[in-house]
Amino acid sequence: MKYLEEVTLPAVQRGLAKAGRERAQLDISSPIMVVTGVDEQAFMQSKAAVQGQLAFYASTPAYRPVLELHGWGDLQGAANDLTRAGRWSEMGELITDEVLNTFAVVSEDIAAVPGLLRERYGHLVDTWQCTVETGDRERQARLIAAVQETSPL
């Protein structure tokens, strides 16, 4: 979120100004990582999956500026070293709870997710996408409806 606020959106504003356009003429869309679950086991599986995804992203040089903005530039090198060594299963362990909470919406209460999305991203993006598996079609439908109700659009 910090990179979005401090780097991306100011760059978008400069581009819009240069083009003579207004912010309202542009839809900013963002995928949002979410860690949650219907029970502790599902939550821990979700957490491990997102930690692995974040570690993969961290391993790429393109993400170093994002990590450096948070003071975690060394994470990129460590993740890259594990990638080069083929130690993929260990990469998620590099992602601390602090890093996880910075880059993902994390809640053991699945019902809180829609409000957390709105609170964290509603003022920054116009459209978001996220994946949350509930393991139950009815619960999934209710969650989708709740997220759509809190969507910025």
N, C-alpha and C. Protein backbone atom coordinates (compact mmCIF):
# COMPACT_ATOMS: atom_id res chain seq x y z
N MET A 1 0.82 -1.18 0.00
CA MET A 1 0.00 0.00 0.00
C MET A 1 0.87 1.25 0.00
N LYS A 2 1.97 1.20 0.73
CA LYS A 2 2.87 2.35 0.81
C LYS A 2 3.42 2.71 -0.56
N TYR A 3 3.84 1.69 -1.34
CA TYR A 3 4.38 1.93 -2.67
C TYR A 3 3.29 2.53 -3.57
N LEU A 4 2.09 1.99 -3.44
CA LEU A 4 0.96 2.50 -4.21
C LEU A 4 0.71 3.98 -3.89
N GLU A 5 0.72 4.31 -2.60
CA GLU A 5 0.46 5.68 -2.17
C GLU A 5 1.61 6.64 -2.50
N GLU A 6 2.84 6.20 -2.28
CA GLU A 6 3.98 7.10 -2.39
C GLU A 6 4.65 7.13 -3.76
N VAL A 7 4.47 6.09 -4.54
CA VAL A 7 5.16 6.02 -5.83
C VAL A 7 4.18 5.93 -7.00
N THR A 8 3.33 4.90 -6.97
CA THR A 8 2.46 4.64 -8.12
C THR A 8 1.44 5.74 -8.36
N LEU A 9 0.66 6.07 -7.35
CA LEU A 9 -0.40 7.08 -7.56
C LEU A 9 0.16 8.46 -7.90
N PRO A 10 1.25 8.92 -7.29
CA PRO A 10 1.82 10.19 -7.74
C PRO A 10 2.27 10.14 -9.21
N ALA A 11 2.81 9.01 -9.64
CA ALA A 11 3.21 8.86 -11.05
C ALA A 11 1.98 8.90 -11.96
N VAL A 12 0.90 8.27 -11.51
CA VAL A 12 -0.35 8.30 -12.28
C VAL A 12 -0.85 9.75 -12.38
N GLN A 13 -0.81 10.47 -11.26
CA GLN A 13 -1.26 11.88 -11.26
C GLN A 13 -0.43 12.73 -12.24
N ARG A 14 0.89 12.52 -12.23
CA ARG A 14 1.75 13.27 -13.16
C ARG A 14 1.39 12.94 -14.61
N GLY A 15 1.15 11.68 -14.89
CA GLY A 15 0.77 11.27 -16.24
C GLY A 15 -0.57 11.85 -16.65
N LEU A 16 -1.52 11.84 -15.73
CA LEU A 16 -2.83 12.41 -16.03
C LEU A 16 -2.72 13.91 -16.31
N ALA A 17 -1.94 14.61 -15.48
CA ALA A 17 -1.76 16.06 -15.67
C ALA A 17 -1.11 16.35 -17.02
N LYS A 18 -0.12 15.56 -17.35
CA LYS A 18 0.58 15.75 -18.63
C LYS A 18 -0.37 15.52 -19.81
N ALA A 19 -1.30 14.57 -19.65
CA ALA A 19 -2.26 14.26 -20.71
C ALA A 19 -3.50 15.15 -20.65
N GLY A 20 -3.58 16.02 -19.64
CA GLY A 20 -4.75 16.88 -19.50
C GLY A 20 -6.00 16.13 -19.11
N ARG A 21 -5.83 15.06 -18.36
CA ARG A 21 -6.97 14.24 -17.94
C ARG A 21 -7.15 14.33 -16.43
N GLU A 22 -8.33 13.95 -15.98
CA GLU A 22 -8.67 13.96 -14.57
C GLU A 22 -8.62 12.53 -14.01
N ARG A 23 -8.42 12.42 -12.71
CA ARG A 23 -8.36 11.11 -12.07
C ARG A 23 -9.64 10.32 -12.27
N ALA A 24 -10.77 11.01 -12.33
CA ALA A 24 -12.06 10.35 -12.50
C ALA A 24 -12.18 9.66 -13.86
N GLN A 25 -11.31 10.00 -14.78
CA GLN A 25 -11.35 9.39 -16.12
C GLN A 25 -10.56 8.09 -16.19
N LEU A 26 -10.00 7.66 -15.08
CA LEU A 26 -9.15 6.48 -15.06
C LEU A 26 -9.62 5.51 -13.99
N ASP A 27 -9.69 4.24 -14.34
CA ASP A 27 -10.03 3.21 -13.37
C ASP A 27 -8.74 2.54 -12.92
N ILE A 28 -8.44 2.64 -11.65
CA ILE A 28 -7.27 1.96 -11.10
C ILE A 28 -7.74 0.66 -10.48
N SER A 29 -7.18 -0.43 -11.00
CA SER A 29 -7.57 -1.76 -10.57
C SER A 29 -6.37 -2.44 -9.93
N SER A 30 -6.62 -3.20 -8.87
CA SER A 30 -5.52 -3.86 -8.17
C SER A 30 -5.93 -5.23 -7.65
N PRO A 31 -5.07 -6.21 -7.85
CA PRO A 31 -5.30 -7.49 -7.16
C PRO A 31 -4.89 -7.34 -5.70
N ILE A 32 -5.66 -7.90 -4.81
CA ILE A 32 -5.40 -7.80 -3.38
C ILE A 32 -5.21 -9.22 -2.83
N MET A 33 -4.11 -9.45 -2.14
CA MET A 33 -3.88 -10.74 -1.50
C MET A 33 -4.63 -10.75 -0.17
N VAL A 34 -5.34 -11.84 0.07
CA VAL A 34 -6.13 -11.99 1.29
C VAL A 34 -5.76 -13.30 1.97
N VAL A 35 -5.54 -13.22 3.27
CA VAL A 35 -5.30 -14.41 4.09
C VAL A 35 -6.47 -14.53 5.06
N THR A 36 -7.23 -15.61 4.93
CA THR A 36 -8.34 -15.87 5.82
C THR A 36 -8.72 -17.33 5.70
N GLY A 37 -9.72 -17.74 6.43
CA GLY A 37 -10.19 -19.12 6.35
C GLY A 37 -11.38 -19.34 7.25
N VAL A 38 -12.11 -20.40 6.96
CA VAL A 38 -13.30 -20.70 7.75
C VAL A 38 -12.96 -21.32 9.09
N ASP A 39 -11.74 -21.84 9.20
CA ASP A 39 -11.28 -22.39 10.46
C ASP A 39 -9.76 -22.21 10.52
N GLU A 40 -9.15 -22.63 11.63
CA GLU A 40 -7.72 -22.40 11.80
C GLU A 40 -6.89 -23.10 10.73
N GLN A 41 -7.27 -24.31 10.37
CA GLN A 41 -6.53 -25.05 9.35
C GLN A 41 -6.60 -24.32 8.00
N ALA A 42 -7.78 -23.88 7.61
CA ALA A 42 -7.93 -23.15 6.35
C ALA A 42 -7.15 -21.84 6.38
N PHE A 43 -7.18 -21.16 7.54
CA PHE A 43 -6.44 -19.92 7.69
C PHE A 43 -4.94 -20.17 7.51
N MET A 44 -4.42 -21.20 8.14
CA MET A 44 -2.98 -21.50 8.05
C MET A 44 -2.59 -21.91 6.64
N GLN A 45 -3.46 -22.61 5.93
CA GLN A 45 -3.19 -22.96 4.54
C GLN A 45 -3.16 -21.71 3.67
N SER A 46 -4.10 -20.82 3.90
CA SER A 46 -4.16 -19.56 3.16
C SER A 46 -2.91 -18.74 3.45
N LYS A 47 -2.51 -18.69 4.71
CA LYS A 47 -1.33 -17.92 5.11
C LYS A 47 -0.08 -18.46 4.43
N ALA A 48 0.10 -19.76 4.45
CA ALA A 48 1.27 -20.38 3.82
C ALA A 48 1.29 -20.11 2.31
N ALA A 49 0.13 -20.18 1.68
CA ALA A 49 0.05 -19.93 0.23
C ALA A 49 0.44 -18.50 -0.10
N VAL A 50 -0.06 -17.55 0.66
CA VAL A 50 0.25 -16.14 0.38
C VAL A 50 1.70 -15.83 0.74
N GLN A 51 2.22 -16.42 1.80
CA GLN A 51 3.64 -16.24 2.11
C GLN A 51 4.51 -16.75 0.96
N GLY A 52 4.15 -17.89 0.39
CA GLY A 52 4.90 -18.42 -0.75
C GLY A 52 4.81 -17.51 -1.96
N GLN A 53 3.64 -16.97 -2.21
CA GLN A 53 3.45 -16.05 -3.33
C GLN A 53 4.26 -14.79 -3.13
N LEU A 54 4.21 -14.23 -1.94
CA LEU A 54 4.99 -13.03 -1.65
C LEU A 54 6.49 -13.29 -1.76
N ALA A 55 6.94 -14.44 -1.29
CA ALA A 55 8.36 -14.78 -1.38
C ALA A 55 8.79 -14.90 -2.84
N PHE A 56 7.94 -15.48 -3.67
CA PHE A 56 8.26 -15.55 -5.09
C PHE A 56 8.40 -14.16 -5.67
N TYR A 57 7.44 -13.28 -5.40
CA TYR A 57 7.54 -11.91 -5.88
C TYR A 57 8.82 -11.25 -5.37
N ALA A 58 9.11 -11.45 -4.08
CA ALA A 58 10.30 -10.84 -3.47
C ALA A 58 11.58 -11.32 -4.14
N SER A 59 11.57 -12.51 -4.69
CA SER A 59 12.78 -13.06 -5.30
C SER A 59 13.15 -12.37 -6.61
N THR A 60 12.23 -11.63 -7.19
CA THR A 60 12.49 -10.99 -8.48
C THR A 60 13.07 -9.59 -8.28
N PRO A 61 14.08 -9.25 -9.05
CA PRO A 61 14.71 -7.92 -8.90
C PRO A 61 13.72 -6.75 -9.06
N ALA A 62 12.67 -6.94 -9.83
CA ALA A 62 11.71 -5.85 -10.05
C ALA A 62 11.00 -5.43 -8.77
N TYR A 63 10.94 -6.32 -7.78
CA TYR A 63 10.26 -6.00 -6.53
C TYR A 63 11.20 -5.39 -5.48
N ARG A 64 12.47 -5.32 -5.77
CA ARG A 64 13.42 -4.76 -4.80
C ARG A 64 13.03 -3.33 -4.39
N PRO A 65 12.67 -2.43 -5.32
CA PRO A 65 12.29 -1.08 -4.90
C PRO A 65 11.09 -1.05 -3.94
N VAL A 66 10.16 -1.95 -4.14
CA VAL A 66 9.00 -2.02 -3.24
C VAL A 66 9.47 -2.45 -1.85
N LEU A 67 10.30 -3.46 -1.81
CA LEU A 67 10.82 -3.95 -0.53
C LEU A 67 11.70 -2.91 0.15
N GLU A 68 12.52 -2.22 -0.63
CA GLU A 68 13.41 -1.20 -0.07
C GLU A 68 12.63 -0.06 0.56
N LEU A 69 11.49 0.30 -0.02
CA LEU A 69 10.66 1.36 0.52
C LEU A 69 10.24 1.04 1.96
N HIS A 70 10.13 -0.24 2.26
CA HIS A 70 9.74 -0.69 3.60
C HIS A 70 10.94 -1.07 4.47
N GLY A 71 12.15 -0.95 3.91
CA GLY A 71 13.34 -1.31 4.65
C GLY A 71 13.69 -2.79 4.59
N TRP A 72 13.14 -3.49 3.61
CA TRP A 72 13.34 -4.93 3.48
C TRP A 72 14.08 -5.30 2.20
N GLY A 73 14.97 -4.46 1.73
CA GLY A 73 15.69 -4.73 0.49
C GLY A 73 16.45 -6.04 0.51
N ASP A 74 17.00 -6.41 1.68
CA ASP A 74 17.76 -7.65 1.79
C ASP A 74 16.90 -8.89 1.56
N LEU A 75 15.60 -8.76 1.77
CA LEU A 75 14.69 -9.88 1.53
C LEU A 75 14.75 -10.32 0.08
N GLN A 76 14.92 -9.38 -0.83
CA GLN A 76 14.98 -9.73 -2.26
C GLN A 76 16.16 -10.65 -2.53
N GLY A 77 17.32 -10.33 -2.00
CA GLY A 77 18.50 -11.17 -2.22
C GLY A 77 18.34 -12.55 -1.60
N ALA A 78 17.80 -12.60 -0.39
CA ALA A 78 17.61 -13.89 0.28
C ALA A 78 16.63 -14.77 -0.47
N ALA A 79 15.53 -14.18 -0.93
CA ALA A 79 14.54 -14.95 -1.69
C ALA A 79 15.12 -15.40 -3.03
N ASN A 80 15.88 -14.52 -3.66
CA ASN A 80 16.50 -14.85 -4.94
C ASN A 80 17.50 -16.00 -4.77
N ASP A 81 18.26 -15.98 -3.67
CA ASP A 81 19.22 -17.06 -3.40
C ASP A 81 18.50 -18.41 -3.28
N LEU A 82 17.37 -18.43 -2.57
CA LEU A 82 16.62 -19.68 -2.44
C LEU A 82 16.07 -20.14 -3.79
N THR A 83 15.63 -19.19 -4.61
CA THR A 83 15.14 -19.53 -5.94
C THR A 83 16.24 -20.19 -6.76
N ARG A 84 17.40 -19.56 -6.78
CA ARG A 84 18.53 -20.10 -7.55
C ARG A 84 18.96 -21.48 -7.05
N ALA A 85 18.79 -21.72 -5.75
CA ALA A 85 19.17 -23.01 -5.18
C ALA A 85 18.05 -24.06 -5.33
N GLY A 86 16.91 -23.63 -5.91
CA GLY A 86 15.79 -24.55 -6.08
C GLY A 86 15.09 -24.91 -4.78
N ARG A 87 15.23 -24.08 -3.78
CA ARG A 87 14.65 -24.34 -2.46
C ARG A 87 13.31 -23.61 -2.30
N TRP A 88 12.42 -23.86 -3.24
CA TRP A 88 11.14 -23.18 -3.33
C TRP A 88 10.29 -23.36 -2.07
N SER A 89 10.31 -24.55 -1.51
CA SER A 89 9.45 -24.83 -0.35
C SER A 89 9.85 -24.04 0.89
N GLU A 90 11.06 -23.51 0.92
CA GLU A 90 11.54 -22.74 2.07
C GLU A 90 11.28 -21.24 1.94
N MET A 91 10.95 -20.80 0.76
CA MET A 91 10.85 -19.36 0.52
C MET A 91 9.81 -18.65 1.37
N GLY A 92 8.67 -19.29 1.59
CA GLY A 92 7.61 -18.66 2.37
C GLY A 92 8.02 -18.34 3.78
N GLU A 93 9.01 -19.07 4.31
CA GLU A 93 9.49 -18.83 5.67
C GLU A 93 10.16 -17.47 5.81
N LEU A 94 10.57 -16.88 4.69
CA LEU A 94 11.19 -15.55 4.72
C LEU A 94 10.18 -14.44 5.00
N ILE A 95 8.92 -14.74 4.75
CA ILE A 95 7.87 -13.73 4.89
C ILE A 95 7.36 -13.72 6.33
N THR A 96 7.78 -12.72 7.08
CA THR A 96 7.36 -12.57 8.47
C THR A 96 5.91 -12.09 8.53
N ASP A 97 5.33 -12.13 9.71
CA ASP A 97 3.97 -11.60 9.87
C ASP A 97 3.93 -10.12 9.52
N GLU A 98 4.99 -9.38 9.84
CA GLU A 98 5.03 -7.96 9.51
C GLU A 98 4.97 -7.74 7.99
N VAL A 99 5.76 -8.50 7.26
CA VAL A 99 5.74 -8.40 5.79
C VAL A 99 4.38 -8.83 5.26
N LEU A 100 3.88 -9.94 5.77
CA LEU A 100 2.59 -10.46 5.33
C LEU A 100 1.48 -9.43 5.54
N ASN A 101 1.42 -8.85 6.72
CA ASN A 101 0.38 -7.86 7.03
C ASN A 101 0.53 -6.57 6.24
N THR A 102 1.73 -6.30 5.78
CA THR A 102 1.95 -5.11 4.97
C THR A 102 1.39 -5.29 3.56
N PHE A 103 1.56 -6.48 3.01
CA PHE A 103 1.18 -6.70 1.62
C PHE A 103 -0.12 -7.46 1.42
N ALA A 104 -0.72 -7.95 2.49
CA ALA A 104 -1.96 -8.71 2.37
C ALA A 104 -2.95 -8.27 3.43
N VAL A 105 -4.22 -8.45 3.13
CA VAL A 105 -5.27 -8.28 4.13
C VAL A 105 -5.33 -9.61 4.87
N VAL A 106 -5.11 -9.58 6.17
CA VAL A 106 -5.04 -10.79 6.98
C VAL A 106 -6.09 -10.73 8.08
N SER A 107 -6.96 -11.73 8.11
CA SER A 107 -7.98 -11.78 9.15
C SER A 107 -8.43 -13.21 9.37
N GLU A 108 -8.39 -13.64 10.62
CA GLU A 108 -8.92 -14.97 10.95
C GLU A 108 -10.44 -14.96 10.90
N ASP A 109 -11.04 -13.78 10.91
CA ASP A 109 -12.49 -13.63 10.82
C ASP A 109 -12.86 -13.35 9.37
N ILE A 110 -13.31 -14.37 8.68
CA ILE A 110 -13.61 -14.24 7.26
C ILE A 110 -14.68 -13.18 6.99
N ALA A 111 -15.59 -12.99 7.93
CA ALA A 111 -16.66 -12.00 7.75
C ALA A 111 -16.12 -10.57 7.80
N ALA A 112 -14.94 -10.37 8.37
CA ALA A 112 -14.35 -9.04 8.47
C ALA A 112 -13.65 -8.61 7.19
N VAL A 113 -13.40 -9.54 6.29
CA VAL A 113 -12.62 -9.25 5.09
C VAL A 113 -13.20 -8.11 4.24
N PRO A 114 -14.50 -8.10 3.94
CA PRO A 114 -15.01 -7.00 3.11
C PRO A 114 -14.73 -5.61 3.70
N GLY A 115 -14.96 -5.44 4.98
CA GLY A 115 -14.69 -4.16 5.63
C GLY A 115 -13.22 -3.80 5.62
N LEU A 116 -12.36 -4.79 5.82
CA LEU A 116 -10.91 -4.55 5.80
C LEU A 116 -10.44 -4.13 4.42
N LEU A 117 -11.01 -4.75 3.39
CA LEU A 117 -10.67 -4.36 2.01
C LEU A 117 -11.04 -2.90 1.76
N ARG A 118 -12.24 -2.55 2.15
CA ARG A 118 -12.74 -1.19 1.95
C ARG A 118 -11.88 -0.18 2.72
N GLU A 119 -11.59 -0.50 3.98
CA GLU A 119 -10.81 0.40 4.83
C GLU A 119 -9.41 0.63 4.27
N ARG A 120 -8.80 -0.43 3.81
CA ARG A 120 -7.41 -0.35 3.39
C ARG A 120 -7.23 0.18 1.97
N TYR A 121 -8.14 -0.19 1.07
CA TYR A 121 -7.94 0.13 -0.34
C TYR A 121 -9.02 1.00 -0.97
N GLY A 122 -10.13 1.23 -0.28
CA GLY A 122 -11.25 1.96 -0.86
C GLY A 122 -10.90 3.35 -1.33
N HIS A 123 -9.95 4.01 -0.69
CA HIS A 123 -9.56 5.37 -1.07
C HIS A 123 -8.43 5.38 -2.10
N LEU A 124 -7.90 4.20 -2.45
CA LEU A 124 -6.75 4.13 -3.35
C LEU A 124 -7.07 3.58 -4.74
N VAL A 125 -7.95 2.60 -4.79
CA VAL A 125 -8.25 1.95 -6.06
C VAL A 125 -9.74 2.00 -6.34
N ASP A 126 -10.05 1.86 -7.61
CA ASP A 126 -11.45 1.90 -8.03
C ASP A 126 -12.06 0.50 -8.10
N THR A 127 -11.23 -0.46 -8.44
CA THR A 127 -11.68 -1.84 -8.59
C THR A 127 -10.63 -2.75 -7.98
N TRP A 128 -11.05 -3.77 -7.25
CA TRP A 128 -10.09 -4.73 -6.73
C TRP A 128 -10.55 -6.14 -7.06
N GLN A 129 -9.59 -7.03 -7.07
CA GLN A 129 -9.86 -8.45 -7.24
C GLN A 129 -9.15 -9.17 -6.10
N CYS A 130 -9.79 -10.17 -5.55
CA CYS A 130 -9.13 -10.98 -4.54
C CYS A 130 -9.70 -12.38 -4.60
N THR A 131 -8.93 -13.32 -4.12
CA THR A 131 -9.36 -14.71 -4.07
C THR A 131 -9.43 -15.14 -2.61
N VAL A 132 -10.59 -15.61 -2.23
CA VAL A 132 -10.78 -16.14 -0.88
C VAL A 132 -11.58 -17.42 -1.03
N GLU A 133 -11.00 -18.52 -0.64
CA GLU A 133 -11.69 -19.81 -0.73
C GLU A 133 -12.29 -20.14 0.63
N THR A 134 -13.59 -20.35 0.64
CA THR A 134 -14.25 -20.66 1.91
C THR A 134 -14.53 -22.14 2.09
N GLY A 135 -14.50 -22.91 1.01
CA GLY A 135 -14.80 -24.33 1.10
C GLY A 135 -16.28 -24.64 1.19
N ASP A 136 -17.11 -23.63 1.05
CA ASP A 136 -18.55 -23.78 1.18
C ASP A 136 -19.21 -22.82 0.20
N ARG A 137 -19.99 -23.35 -0.74
CA ARG A 137 -20.59 -22.51 -1.80
C ARG A 137 -21.49 -21.41 -1.25
N GLU A 138 -22.31 -21.75 -0.26
CA GLU A 138 -23.22 -20.74 0.30
C GLU A 138 -22.43 -19.63 0.99
N ARG A 139 -21.44 -20.00 1.78
CA ARG A 139 -20.61 -19.02 2.47
C ARG A 139 -19.84 -18.19 1.44
N GLN A 140 -19.36 -18.84 0.38
CA GLN A 140 -18.63 -18.13 -0.68
C GLN A 140 -19.55 -17.08 -1.32
N ALA A 141 -20.78 -17.46 -1.61
CA ALA A 141 -21.73 -16.53 -2.22
C ALA A 141 -22.00 -15.34 -1.31
N ARG A 142 -22.15 -15.59 0.00
CA ARG A 142 -22.38 -14.49 0.96
C ARG A 142 -21.16 -13.58 1.04
N LEU A 143 -19.98 -14.17 1.03
CA LEU A 143 -18.76 -13.37 1.09
C LEU A 143 -18.61 -12.52 -0.17
N ILE A 144 -18.87 -13.10 -1.31
CA ILE A 144 -18.79 -12.35 -2.57
C ILE A 144 -19.77 -11.17 -2.54
N ALA A 145 -20.98 -11.43 -2.10
CA ALA A 145 -21.98 -10.36 -2.02
C ALA A 145 -21.52 -9.25 -1.06
N ALA A 146 -20.94 -9.63 0.06
CA ALA A 146 -20.47 -8.64 1.03
C ALA A 146 -19.30 -7.82 0.46
N VAL A 147 -18.40 -8.48 -0.24
CA VAL A 147 -17.28 -7.76 -0.87
C VAL A 147 -17.80 -6.80 -1.93
N GLN A 148 -18.76 -7.27 -2.74
CA GLN A 148 -19.33 -6.40 -3.77
C GLN A 148 -20.03 -5.19 -3.16
N GLU A 149 -20.66 -5.35 -2.03
CA GLU A 149 -21.33 -4.24 -1.36
C GLU A 149 -20.34 -3.21 -0.87
N THR A 150 -19.12 -3.62 -0.52
CA THR A 150 -18.13 -2.69 -0.02
C THR A 150 -17.18 -2.22 -1.11
N SER A 151 -17.35 -2.75 -2.33
CA SER A 151 -16.48 -2.38 -3.44
C SER A 151 -16.56 -0.87 -3.68
N PRO A 152 -15.42 -0.28 -4.05
CA PRO A 152 -15.42 1.18 -4.26
C PRO A 152 -16.30 1.63 -5.41
N LEU A 153 -16.64 0.75 -6.32
CA LEU A 153 -17.50 1.16 -7.45
C LEU A 153 -18.94 0.86 -7.18
